[in-house]
C-alpha atoms as a PDB file:
ATOM      1  CA  MET A   1     -19.995  67.356  94.438  1.00  0.00           C
ATOM      2  CA  SER A   2     -22.600  65.178  96.091  1.00  0.00           C
ATOM      3  CA  SER A   3     -21.695  61.550  96.657  1.00  0.00           C
ATOM      4  CA  GLN A   4     -25.081  60.770  95.101  1.00  0.00           C
ATOM      5  CA  ALA A   5     -24.021  62.250  91.763  1.00  0.00           C
ATOM      6  CA  VAL A   6     -24.187  59.829  88.850  1.00  0.00           C
ATOM      7  CA  ARG A   7     -20.738  58.392  88.115  1.00  0.00           C
ATOM      8  CA  LEU A   8     -19.573  58.844  84.511  1.00  0.00           C
ATOM      9  CA  VAL A   9     -16.762  57.111  82.666  1.00  0.00           C
ATOM     10  CA  VAL A  10     -16.109  59.007  79.442  1.00  0.00           C
ATOM     11  CA  LEU A  11     -14.402  57.333  76.459  1.00  0.00           C
ATOM     12  CA  VAL A  12     -12.474  59.418  73.918  1.00  0.00           C
ATOM     13  CA  SER A  13     -10.295  58.903  70.846  1.00  0.00           C
ATOM     14  CA  GLY A  14      -9.279  62.420  69.862  1.00  0.00           C
ATOM     15  CA  SER A  15      -9.353  66.066  70.865  1.00  0.00           C
ATOM     16  CA  GLY A  16     -12.071  65.659  73.477  1.00  0.00           C
ATOM     17  CA  THR A  17     -14.274  68.679  72.760  1.00  0.00           C
ATOM     18  CA  ASN A  18     -17.367  66.782  73.925  1.00  0.00           C
ATOM     19  CA  LEU A  19     -15.429  65.692  76.993  1.00  0.00           C
ATOM     20  CA  GLN A  20     -14.529  69.327  77.706  1.00  0.00           C
ATOM     21  CA  ALA A  21     -18.186  70.302  77.512  1.00  0.00           C
ATOM     22  CA  LEU A  22     -18.964  67.621  80.085  1.00  0.00           C
ATOM     23  CA  LEU A  23     -16.041  68.700  82.279  1.00  0.00           C
ATOM     24  CA  ASP A  24     -17.408  72.228  82.241  1.00  0.00           C
ATOM     25  CA  ALA A  25     -20.908  70.978  83.054  1.00  0.00           C
ATOM     26  CA  VAL A  26     -19.951  68.772  86.005  1.00  0.00           C
ATOM     27  CA  ALA A  27     -18.186  71.709  87.651  1.00  0.00           C
ATOM     28  CA  ASP A  28     -21.711  72.848  88.602  1.00  0.00           C
ATOM     29  CA  GLU A  29     -22.796  70.770  91.604  1.00  0.00           C
ATOM     30  CA  THR A  30     -26.427  70.964  90.511  1.00  0.00           C
ATOM     31  CA  TYR A  31     -25.649  69.132  87.252  1.00  0.00           C
ATOM     32  CA  GLY A  32     -26.070  65.777  88.995  1.00  0.00           C
ATOM     33  CA  ALA A  33     -23.091  63.874  87.581  1.00  0.00           C
ATOM     34  CA  ARG A  34     -19.352  63.619  88.039  1.00  0.00           C
ATOM     35  CA  ILE A  35     -16.663  62.172  85.792  1.00  0.00           C
ATOM     36  CA  VAL A  36     -14.778  59.458  87.667  1.00  0.00           C
ATOM     37  CA  ALA A  37     -12.458  58.393  84.821  1.00  0.00           C
ATOM     38  CA  VAL A  38     -11.645  59.015  81.169  1.00  0.00           C
ATOM     39  CA  GLY A  39     -10.572  56.123  78.957  1.00  0.00           C
ATOM     40  CA  ALA A  40      -9.113  56.017  75.463  1.00  0.00           C
ATOM     41  CA  ASP A  41      -8.055  53.559  72.795  1.00  0.00           C
ATOM     42  CA  ARG A  42      -4.847  55.487  72.102  1.00  0.00           C
ATOM     43  CA  ALA A  43      -2.291  57.465  74.063  1.00  0.00           C
ATOM     44  CA  GLY A  44      -1.038  61.014  73.574  1.00  0.00           C
ATOM     45  CA  ILE A  45      -4.353  62.587  72.614  1.00  0.00           C
ATOM     46  CA  GLU A  46      -5.745  65.920  73.728  1.00  0.00           C
ATOM     47  CA  GLY A  47      -8.791  64.266  75.241  1.00  0.00           C
ATOM     48  CA  LEU A  48      -6.588  62.550  77.827  1.00  0.00           C
ATOM     49  CA  ALA A  49      -4.667  65.764  78.420  1.00  0.00           C
ATOM     50  CA  ARG A  50      -7.947  67.564  79.162  1.00  0.00           C
ATOM     51  CA  ALA A  51      -8.799  64.910  81.738  1.00  0.00           C
ATOM     52  CA  GLU A  52      -5.373  65.111  83.365  1.00  0.00           C
ATOM     53  CA  ARG A  53      -5.586  68.898  83.617  1.00  0.00           C
ATOM     54  CA  ALA A  54      -8.919  68.451  85.382  1.00  0.00           C
ATOM     55  CA  GLY A  55      -7.452  65.915  87.794  1.00  0.00           C
ATOM     56  CA  ILE A  56      -9.511  63.023  86.397  1.00  0.00           C
ATOM     57  CA  PRO A  57      -7.997  59.495  86.405  1.00  0.00           C
ATOM     58  CA  ILE A  58      -7.251  58.176  82.907  1.00  0.00           C
ATOM     59  CA  PHE A  59      -6.644  54.787  81.321  1.00  0.00           C
ATOM     60  CA  VAL A  60      -5.623  53.643  77.837  1.00  0.00           C
ATOM     61  CA  GLU A  61      -6.585  50.309  76.314  1.00  0.00           C
ATOM     62  CA  LYS A  62      -5.143  49.870  72.809  1.00  0.00           C
ATOM     63  CA  LEU A  63      -6.681  47.312  70.479  1.00  0.00           C
ATOM     64  CA  ALA A  64      -3.216  46.520  69.072  1.00  0.00           C
ATOM     65  CA  ASP A  65      -2.034  45.404  72.512  1.00  0.00           C
ATOM     66  CA  HIS A  66      -4.375  42.398  72.458  1.00  0.00           C
ATOM     67  CA  PRO A  67      -4.266  39.235  70.346  1.00  0.00           C
ATOM     68  CA  THR A  68      -7.970  39.420  69.461  1.00  0.00           C
ATOM     69  CA  ARG A  69     -10.782  41.936  69.415  1.00  0.00           C
ATOM     70  CA  GLU A  70     -12.580  39.824  72.011  1.00  0.00           C
ATOM     71  CA  ASP A  71      -9.627  40.114  74.385  1.00  0.00           C
ATOM     72  CA  TRP A  72      -9.674  43.900  73.973  1.00  0.00           C
ATOM     73  CA  ASP A  73     -13.425  43.980  74.577  1.00  0.00           C
ATOM     74  CA  ARG A  74     -13.044  42.072  77.833  1.00  0.00           C
ATOM     75  CA  GLU A  75     -10.115  44.133  79.085  1.00  0.00           C
ATOM     76  CA  LEU A  76     -11.795  47.443  78.223  1.00  0.00           C
ATOM     77  CA  ALA A  77     -14.916  46.384  80.121  1.00  0.00           C
ATOM     78  CA  ALA A  78     -12.755  45.414  83.107  1.00  0.00           C
ATOM     79  CA  ARG A  79     -10.946  48.756  83.082  1.00  0.00           C
ATOM     80  CA  ILE A  80     -14.255  50.616  82.943  1.00  0.00           C
ATOM     81  CA  ALA A  81     -15.675  48.472  85.764  1.00  0.00           C
ATOM     82  CA  GLU A  82     -12.795  49.466  88.070  1.00  0.00           C
ATOM     83  CA  HIS A  83     -14.393  52.920  88.301  1.00  0.00           C
ATOM     84  CA  LYS A  84     -17.935  51.668  89.055  1.00  0.00           C
ATOM     85  CA  PRO A  85     -19.763  53.922  86.572  1.00  0.00           C
ATOM     86  CA  ASP A  86     -23.500  54.429  86.482  1.00  0.00           C
ATOM     87  CA  LEU A  87     -23.223  55.554  82.857  1.00  0.00           C
ATOM     88  CA  VAL A  88     -20.536  55.281  80.171  1.00  0.00           C
ATOM     89  CA  VAL A  89     -20.386  58.144  77.666  1.00  0.00           C
ATOM     90  CA  CYS A  90     -18.707  57.745  74.275  1.00  0.00           C
ATOM     91  CA  ALA A  91     -17.461  61.258  73.502  1.00  0.00           C
ATOM     92  CA  GLY A  92     -15.860  60.839  70.104  1.00  0.00           C
ATOM     93  CA  PHE A  93     -14.779  57.258  70.849  1.00  0.00           C
ATOM     94  CA  MET A  94     -14.002  55.701  67.475  1.00  0.00           C
ATOM     95  CA  LYS A  95     -14.278  52.010  68.329  1.00  0.00           C
ATOM     96  CA  ILE A  96     -17.410  49.871  68.389  1.00  0.00           C
ATOM     97  CA  LEU A  97     -17.906  48.525  71.888  1.00  0.00           C
ATOM     98  CA  GLY A  98     -18.315  44.808  72.412  1.00  0.00           C
ATOM     99  CA  THR A  99     -20.753  42.765  74.456  1.00  0.00           C
ATOM    100  CA  PRO A 100     -18.669  42.814  77.679  1.00  0.00           C
ATOM    101  CA  THR A 101     -19.121  46.586  77.961  1.00  0.00           C
ATOM    102  CA  LEU A 102     -22.603  46.870  76.472  1.00  0.00           C
ATOM    103  CA  SER A 103     -23.998  44.141  78.735  1.00  0.00           C
ATOM    104  CA  SER A 104     -22.440  45.626  81.877  1.00  0.00           C
ATOM    105  CA  PHE A 105     -23.232  49.343  81.667  1.00  0.00           C
ATOM    106  CA  PRO A 106     -25.656  51.716  79.964  1.00  0.00           C
ATOM    107  CA  VAL A 107     -23.620  53.386  77.225  1.00  0.00           C
ATOM    108  CA  LEU A 108     -24.435  56.744  75.655  1.00  0.00           C
ATOM    109  CA  ASN A 109     -23.229  57.615  72.164  1.00  0.00           C
ATOM    110  CA  THR A 110     -23.710  60.456  69.677  1.00  0.00           C
ATOM    111  CA  HIS A 111     -23.993  60.559  65.902  1.00  0.00           C
ATOM    112  CA  PRO A 112     -23.785  63.574  63.548  1.00  0.00           C
ATOM    113  CA  ALA A 113     -27.035  62.887  61.681  1.00  0.00           C
ATOM    114  CA  LEU A 114     -30.706  62.367  62.415  1.00  0.00           C
ATOM    115  CA  LEU A 115     -30.881  58.613  62.839  1.00  0.00           C
ATOM    116  CA  PRO A 116     -32.032  56.262  61.473  1.00  0.00           C
ATOM    117  CA  SER A 117     -30.904  58.236  58.408  1.00  0.00           C
ATOM    118  CA  PHE A 118     -27.209  58.216  57.503  1.00  0.00           C
ATOM    119  CA  PRO A 119     -25.677  55.860  60.078  1.00  0.00           C
ATOM    120  CA  GLY A 120     -22.017  54.897  60.023  1.00  0.00           C
ATOM    121  CA  ALA A 121     -18.702  56.710  59.896  1.00  0.00           C
ATOM    122  CA  HIS A 122     -19.659  59.269  57.246  1.00  0.00           C
ATOM    123  CA  GLY A 123     -23.018  60.588  58.409  1.00  0.00           C
ATOM    124  CA  VAL A 124     -22.273  64.217  57.530  1.00  0.00           C
ATOM    125  CA  ARG A 125     -20.866  63.407  54.092  1.00  0.00           C
ATOM    126  CA  ASP A 126     -23.731  61.040  53.314  1.00  0.00           C
ATOM    127  CA  ALA A 127     -26.398  63.570  54.311  1.00  0.00           C
ATOM    128  CA  LEU A 128     -24.744  66.262  52.213  1.00  0.00           C
ATOM    129  CA  SER A 129     -24.395  63.950  49.211  1.00  0.00           C
ATOM    130  CA  TYR A 130     -28.050  62.959  49.455  1.00  0.00           C
ATOM    131  CA  GLY A 131     -29.076  66.590  49.265  1.00  0.00           C
ATOM    132  CA  VAL A 132     -31.076  66.901  52.478  1.00  0.00           C
ATOM    133  CA  ARG A 133     -31.909  70.429  53.629  1.00  0.00           C
ATOM    134  CA  ILE A 134     -32.045  69.527  57.319  1.00  0.00           C
ATOM    135  CA  THR A 135     -29.716  67.179  59.171  1.00  0.00           C
ATOM    136  CA  GLY A 136     -28.596  67.226  62.789  1.00  0.00           C
ATOM    137  CA  CYS A 137     -27.352  65.012  65.593  1.00  0.00           C
ATOM    138  CA  THR A 138     -28.583  62.154  67.724  1.00  0.00           C
ATOM    139  CA  VAL A 139     -27.884  61.002  71.277  1.00  0.00           C
ATOM    140  CA  MET A 140     -28.658  57.315  71.753  1.00  0.00           C
ATOM    141  CA  LEU A 141     -28.094  54.329  73.976  1.00  0.00           C
ATOM    142  CA  ALA A 142     -25.485  52.193  72.255  1.00  0.00           C
ATOM    143  CA  ASP A 143     -26.216  48.607  71.290  1.00  0.00           C
ATOM    144  CA  ALA A 144     -24.332  45.962  69.312  1.00  0.00           C
ATOM    145  CA  GLY A 145     -25.178  47.540  65.958  1.00  0.00           C
ATOM    146  CA  VAL A 146     -23.746  50.581  64.212  1.00  0.00           C
ATOM    147  CA  ASP A 147     -25.836  53.592  65.295  1.00  0.00           C
ATOM    148  CA  THR A 148     -28.887  51.387  65.863  1.00  0.00           C
ATOM    149  CA  GLY A 149     -29.529  51.900  69.580  1.00  0.00           C
ATOM    150  CA  PRO A 150     -32.648  53.486  71.091  1.00  0.00           C
ATOM    151  CA  ILE A 151     -32.762  57.226  70.469  1.00  0.00           C
ATOM    152  CA  ILE A 152     -32.853  59.535  73.489  1.00  0.00           C
ATOM    153  CA  ALA A 153     -32.622  63.013  71.955  1.00  0.00           C
ATOM    154  CA  GLN A 154     -32.154  64.697  68.586  1.00  0.00           C
ATOM    155  CA  ALA A 155     -31.563  68.234  67.342  1.00  0.00           C
ATOM    156  CA  SER A 156     -31.790  69.600  63.826  1.00  0.00           C
ATOM    157  CA  VAL A 157     -29.201  71.598  61.905  1.00  0.00           C
ATOM    158  CA  PRO A 158     -30.031  73.257  58.566  1.00  0.00           C
ATOM    159  CA  VAL A 159     -27.864  72.562  55.545  1.00  0.00           C
ATOM    160  CA  LEU A 160     -26.843  75.929  54.100  1.00  0.00           C
ATOM    161  CA  ASP A 161     -26.121  76.758  50.483  1.00  0.00           C
ATOM    162  CA  GLY A 162     -22.402  76.398  49.971  1.00  0.00           C
ATOM    163  CA  ASP A 163     -21.898  73.982  52.840  1.00  0.00           C
ATOM    164  CA  ASP A 164     -19.153  71.412  52.495  1.00  0.00           C
ATOM    165  CA  GLU A 165     -18.539  68.480  54.819  1.00  0.00           C
ATOM    166  CA  GLU A 166     -16.244  70.488  57.091  1.00  0.00           C
ATOM    167  CA  THR A 167     -18.462  73.548  57.564  1.00  0.00           C
ATOM    168  CA  LEU A 168     -21.565  71.450  58.110  1.00  0.00           C
ATOM    169  CA  HIS A 169     -19.800  69.121  60.536  1.00  0.00           C
ATOM    170  CA  GLN A 170     -18.502  72.026  62.611  1.00  0.00           C
ATOM    171  CA  ARG A 171     -22.023  73.423  63.053  1.00  0.00           C
ATOM    172  CA  ILE A 172     -23.352  69.973  63.927  1.00  0.00           C
ATOM    173  CA  LYS A 173     -20.587  69.495  66.509  1.00  0.00           C
ATOM    174  CA  GLY A 174     -21.611  72.666  68.321  1.00  0.00           C
ATOM    175  CA  VAL A 175     -25.211  71.516  68.563  1.00  0.00           C
ATOM    176  CA  GLU A 176     -24.110  67.990  69.469  1.00  0.00           C
ATOM    177  CA  ARG A 177     -22.059  69.185  72.433  1.00  0.00           C
ATOM    178  CA  SER A 178     -25.006  71.087  73.863  1.00  0.00           C
ATOM    179  CA  LEU A 179     -27.395  68.193  73.285  1.00  0.00           C
ATOM    180  CA  LEU A 180     -25.009  65.701  74.911  1.00  0.00           C
ATOM    181  CA  VAL A 181     -24.524  67.872  78.002  1.00  0.00           C
ATOM    182  CA  GLU A 182     -28.267  68.469  78.329  1.00  0.00           C
ATOM    183  CA  THR A 183     -29.098  64.770  77.893  1.00  0.00           C
ATOM    184  CA  VAL A 184     -26.483  63.459  80.332  1.00  0.00           C
ATOM    185  CA  GLY A 185     -27.596  66.029  82.905  1.00  0.00           C
ATOM    186  CA  ARG A 186     -31.244  65.099  82.568  1.00  0.00           C
ATOM    187  CA  MET A 187     -30.448  61.382  82.799  1.00  0.00           C
ATOM    188  CA  ALA A 188     -28.387  62.035  85.930  1.00  0.00           C
ATOM    189  CA  ARG A 189     -30.988  64.198  87.642  1.00  0.00           C
ATOM    190  CA  GLU A 190     -34.203  62.565  86.443  1.00  0.00           C
ATOM    191  CA  GLY A 191     -33.312  58.965  85.633  1.00  0.00           C
ATOM    192  CA  TRP A 192     -34.557  57.117  82.562  1.00  0.00           C
ATOM    193  CA  THR A 193     -36.493  54.060  81.463  1.00  0.00           C
ATOM    194  CA  VAL A 194     -36.249  52.005  78.288  1.00  0.00           C
ATOM    195  CA  THR A 195     -39.244  50.192  76.816  1.00  0.00           C
ATOM    196  CA  GLY A 196     -38.399  48.520  73.538  1.00  0.00           C
ATOM    197  CA  ARG A 197     -36.911  51.306  71.436  1.00  0.00           C
ATOM    198  CA  THR A 198     -38.469  54.101  73.491  1.00  0.00           C
ATOM    199  CA  VAL A 199     -36.337  55.935  76.042  1.00  0.00           C
ATOM    200  CA  ARG A 200     -38.152  58.173  78.513  1.00  0.00           C
ATOM    201  CA  LEU A 201     -36.345  60.595  80.781  1.00  0.00           C
ATOM    202  CA  GLY A 202     -37.735  60.954  84.279  1.00  0.00           C
ATOM    203  CA  ARG A 203     -38.513  58.415  86.959  1.00  0.00           C
ATOM    204  CA  SER A 204     -41.755  56.529  86.616  1.00  0.00           C
ATOM    205  CA  GLY A 205     -44.372  56.885  89.287  1.00  0.00           C
END
Protein backbone atom coordinates (compact mmCIF):
# COMPACT_ATOMS: atom_id res chain seq x y z
CA MET A 1 0.00 0.00 0.00
CA SER A 2 1.35 3.41 -0.90
CA SER A 3 2.64 5.55 1.94
CA GLN A 4 0.52 8.32 0.44
CA ALA A 5 -2.69 6.40 1.12
CA VAL A 6 -5.17 8.22 3.34
CA ARG A 7 -4.90 6.99 6.93
CA LEU A 8 -8.19 5.76 8.43
CA VAL A 9 -9.08 5.13 12.05
CA VAL A 10 -12.33 3.17 12.15
CA LEU A 11 -14.58 3.19 15.24
CA VAL A 12 -16.92 0.27 15.95
CA SER A 13 -19.32 -0.90 18.66
CA GLY A 14 -20.58 -4.23 17.37
CA SER A 15 -20.18 -6.88 14.70
CA GLY A 16 -18.20 -4.69 12.32
CA THR A 17 -19.83 -5.51 8.99
CA ASN A 18 -19.10 -2.00 7.69
CA LEU A 19 -15.55 -2.37 8.97
CA GLN A 20 -15.22 -5.66 7.07
CA ALA A 21 -16.36 -3.97 3.88
CA LEU A 22 -13.65 -1.36 4.37
CA LEU A 23 -11.05 -4.04 5.18
CA ASP A 24 -11.92 -5.77 1.94
CA ALA A 25 -11.72 -2.49 0.02
CA VAL A 26 -8.33 -1.37 1.35
CA ALA A 27 -6.80 -4.69 0.28
CA ASP A 28 -6.83 -3.17 -3.23
CA GLU A 29 -3.86 -0.79 -3.46
CA THR A 30 -5.75 1.43 -5.90
CA TYR A 31 -8.44 2.17 -3.29
CA GLY A 32 -6.34 5.02 -1.89
CA ALA A 33 -6.76 4.43 1.85
CA ARG A 34 -5.46 2.16 4.57
CA ILE A 35 -6.81 1.38 8.02
CA VAL A 36 -4.18 2.23 10.63
CA ALA A 37 -6.25 1.39 13.73
CA VAL A 38 -9.69 0.26 14.88
CA GLY A 39 -11.14 1.64 18.10
CA ALA A 40 -14.17 0.64 20.14
CA ASP A 41 -16.14 1.69 23.19
CA ARG A 42 -16.39 -1.91 24.43
CA ALA A 43 -14.24 -5.01 24.46
CA GLY A 44 -14.97 -8.52 23.20
CA ILE A 45 -16.87 -7.53 20.06
CA GLU A 46 -16.60 -9.06 16.62
CA GLY A 47 -15.57 -5.76 15.10
CA LEU A 48 -12.33 -5.85 17.11
CA ALA A 49 -11.82 -9.50 16.25
CA ARG A 50 -12.10 -8.65 12.54
CA ALA A 51 -9.41 -6.01 12.96
CA GLU A 52 -7.11 -8.38 14.85
CA ARG A 53 -7.49 -11.06 12.19
CA ALA A 54 -6.46 -8.46 9.62
CA GLY A 55 -3.42 -7.45 11.67
CA ILE A 56 -4.79 -3.97 12.44
CA PRO A 57 -3.91 -2.34 15.80
CA ILE A 58 -6.92 -1.96 18.11
CA PHE A 59 -7.80 0.12 21.15
CA VAL A 60 -10.76 0.18 23.55
CA GLU A 61 -11.93 3.26 25.41
CA LYS A 62 -14.93 2.52 27.66
CA LEU A 63 -17.13 5.37 28.83
CA ALA A 64 -17.60 3.62 32.19
CA ASP A 65 -13.85 3.79 32.85
CA HIS A 66 -13.97 7.59 33.13
CA PRO A 67 -15.50 9.81 35.81
CA THR A 68 -17.19 12.10 33.27
CA ARG A 69 -18.24 12.07 29.64
CA GLU A 70 -15.81 14.93 29.03
CA ASP A 71 -12.92 12.84 30.33
CA TRP A 72 -13.90 10.03 27.96
CA ASP A 73 -14.16 12.47 25.06
CA ARG A 74 -10.64 13.76 25.71
CA GLU A 75 -9.11 10.32 26.14
CA LEU A 76 -10.81 8.92 23.03
CA ALA A 77 -9.50 11.85 20.97
CA ALA A 78 -6.00 11.24 22.36
CA ARG A 79 -6.14 7.54 21.50
CA ILE A 80 -7.28 8.34 17.97
CA ALA A 81 -4.55 10.98 17.59
CA GLU A 82 -1.84 8.40 18.40
CA HIS A 83 -2.50 6.88 14.96
CA LYS A 84 -2.36 10.19 13.03
CA PRO A 85 -5.50 9.63 10.93
CA ASP A 86 -6.48 11.73 7.95
CA LEU A 87 -10.08 10.58 8.38
CA VAL A 88 -12.04 8.91 11.19
CA VAL A 89 -14.85 6.59 10.11
CA CYS A 90 -17.69 5.66 12.47
CA ALA A 91 -18.70 2.18 11.30
CA GLY A 92 -21.55 1.32 13.62
CA PHE A 93 -20.06 3.31 16.51
CA MET A 94 -22.90 3.84 18.96
CA LYS A 95 -21.58 6.82 20.92
CA ILE A 96 -21.89 10.49 20.04
CA LEU A 97 -18.42 11.95 19.63
CA GLY A 98 -17.44 15.02 21.60
CA THR A 99 -15.70 18.23 20.63
CA PRO A 100 -12.14 16.92 21.24
CA THR A 101 -12.54 14.41 18.40
CA LEU A 102 -14.79 16.45 16.12
CA SER A 103 -12.50 19.49 16.29
CA SER A 104 -9.35 17.46 15.61
CA PHE A 105 -10.29 15.19 12.70
CA PRO A 106 -12.83 14.97 9.88
CA VAL A 107 -15.27 12.28 10.99
CA LEU A 108 -17.47 10.25 8.65
CA ASN A 109 -20.70 8.68 9.88
CA THR A 110 -23.63 6.79 8.36
CA HIS A 111 -27.35 6.77 9.09
CA PRO A 112 -30.03 4.30 7.91
CA ALA A 113 -32.44 6.90 6.52
CA LEU A 114 -32.46 9.75 4.04
CA LEU A 115 -31.52 12.69 6.22
CA PRO A 116 -32.74 15.16 7.28
CA SER A 117 -35.74 12.84 7.63
CA PHE A 118 -35.80 10.37 10.52
CA PRO A 119 -32.62 11.21 12.46
CA GLY A 120 -31.72 9.50 15.72
CA ALA A 121 -31.39 5.94 16.95
CA HIS A 122 -34.54 4.58 15.32
CA GLY A 123 -34.36 5.85 11.75
CA VAL A 124 -35.59 2.61 10.18
CA ARG A 125 -38.47 2.17 12.62
CA ASP A 126 -39.50 5.81 12.30
CA ALA A 127 -39.50 5.72 8.49
CA LEU A 128 -41.57 2.54 8.49
CA SER A 129 -44.04 3.94 11.03
CA TYR A 130 -44.46 7.11 8.99
CA GLY A 131 -45.41 5.07 5.96
CA VAL A 132 -42.81 6.27 3.48
CA ARG A 133 -42.41 4.22 0.30
CA ILE A 134 -38.75 5.11 -0.20
CA THR A 135 -36.10 5.38 2.50
CA GLY A 136 -32.37 4.73 2.31
CA CYS A 137 -29.06 5.66 3.89
CA THR A 138 -26.85 8.68 4.29
CA VAL A 139 -23.09 9.20 4.59
CA MET A 140 -22.25 12.49 6.29
CA LEU A 141 -19.53 14.42 8.04
CA ALA A 142 -20.29 14.24 11.74
CA ASP A 143 -20.84 17.37 13.79
CA ALA A 144 -21.93 18.04 17.37
CA GLY A 145 -25.59 17.30 16.63
CA VAL A 146 -27.41 14.02 16.16
CA ASP A 147 -27.29 13.19 12.43
CA THR A 148 -27.08 16.88 11.52
CA GLY A 149 -23.71 17.04 9.74
CA PRO A 150 -23.18 17.97 6.08
CA ILE A 151 -24.37 15.23 3.75
CA ILE A 152 -21.83 13.66 1.40
CA ALA A 153 -23.79 10.86 -0.28
CA GLN A 154 -27.19 9.17 -0.14
CA ALA A 155 -28.79 6.09 -1.67
CA SER A 156 -32.44 5.10 -1.78
CA VAL A 157 -34.02 1.83 -0.71
CA PRO A 158 -37.67 1.02 -1.49
CA VAL A 159 -40.00 0.01 1.31
CA LEU A 160 -41.68 -3.24 0.25
CA ASP A 161 -45.13 -4.46 1.19
CA GLY A 162 -44.75 -6.67 4.22
CA ASP A 163 -41.51 -5.10 5.38
CA ASP A 164 -40.85 -5.01 9.10
CA GLU A 165 -38.03 -3.14 10.81
CA GLU A 166 -35.64 -6.09 10.56
CA THR A 167 -36.13 -6.89 6.87
CA LEU A 168 -35.97 -3.25 5.86
CA HIS A 169 -32.89 -2.59 7.98
CA GLN A 170 -31.05 -5.56 6.49
CA ARG A 171 -31.61 -4.25 2.95
CA ILE A 172 -30.54 -0.76 3.99
CA LYS A 173 -27.37 -2.15 5.59
CA GLY A 174 -26.33 -3.78 2.33
CA VAL A 175 -26.71 -0.53 0.43
CA GLU A 176 -25.06 1.41 3.26
CA ARG A 177 -21.94 -0.74 3.17
CA SER A 178 -21.50 -0.17 -0.55
CA LEU A 179 -22.14 3.56 -0.23
CA LEU A 180 -19.67 3.90 2.65
CA VAL A 181 -16.91 2.06 0.78
CA GLU A 182 -17.51 4.10 -2.37
CA THR A 183 -17.56 7.41 -0.46
CA VAL A 184 -14.43 6.74 1.61
CA GLY A 185 -12.59 5.64 -1.53
CA ARG A 186 -13.57 8.74 -3.45
CA MET A 187 -12.61 11.00 -0.54
CA ALA A 188 -9.24 9.25 -0.32
CA ARG A 189 -8.49 9.42 -4.03
CA GLU A 190 -10.11 12.73 -4.96
CA GLY A 191 -10.15 14.80 -1.78
CA TRP A 192 -13.10 16.91 -0.67
CA THR A 193 -14.12 20.44 0.21
CA VAL A 194 -16.82 21.71 2.55
CA THR A 195 -18.62 25.00 1.97
CA GLY A 196 -21.34 25.58 4.52
CA ARG A 197 -23.46 22.44 4.35
CA THR A 198 -22.25 21.45 0.88
CA VAL A 199 -19.60 18.75 0.55
CA ARG A 200 -17.95 18.36 -2.85
CA LEU A 201 -15.74 15.43 -3.72
CA GLY A 202 -12.72 16.20 -5.88
CA ARG A 203 -9.93 18.71 -5.50
CA SER A 204 -10.69 22.25 -6.52
CA GLY A 205 -8.74 23.81 -9.33
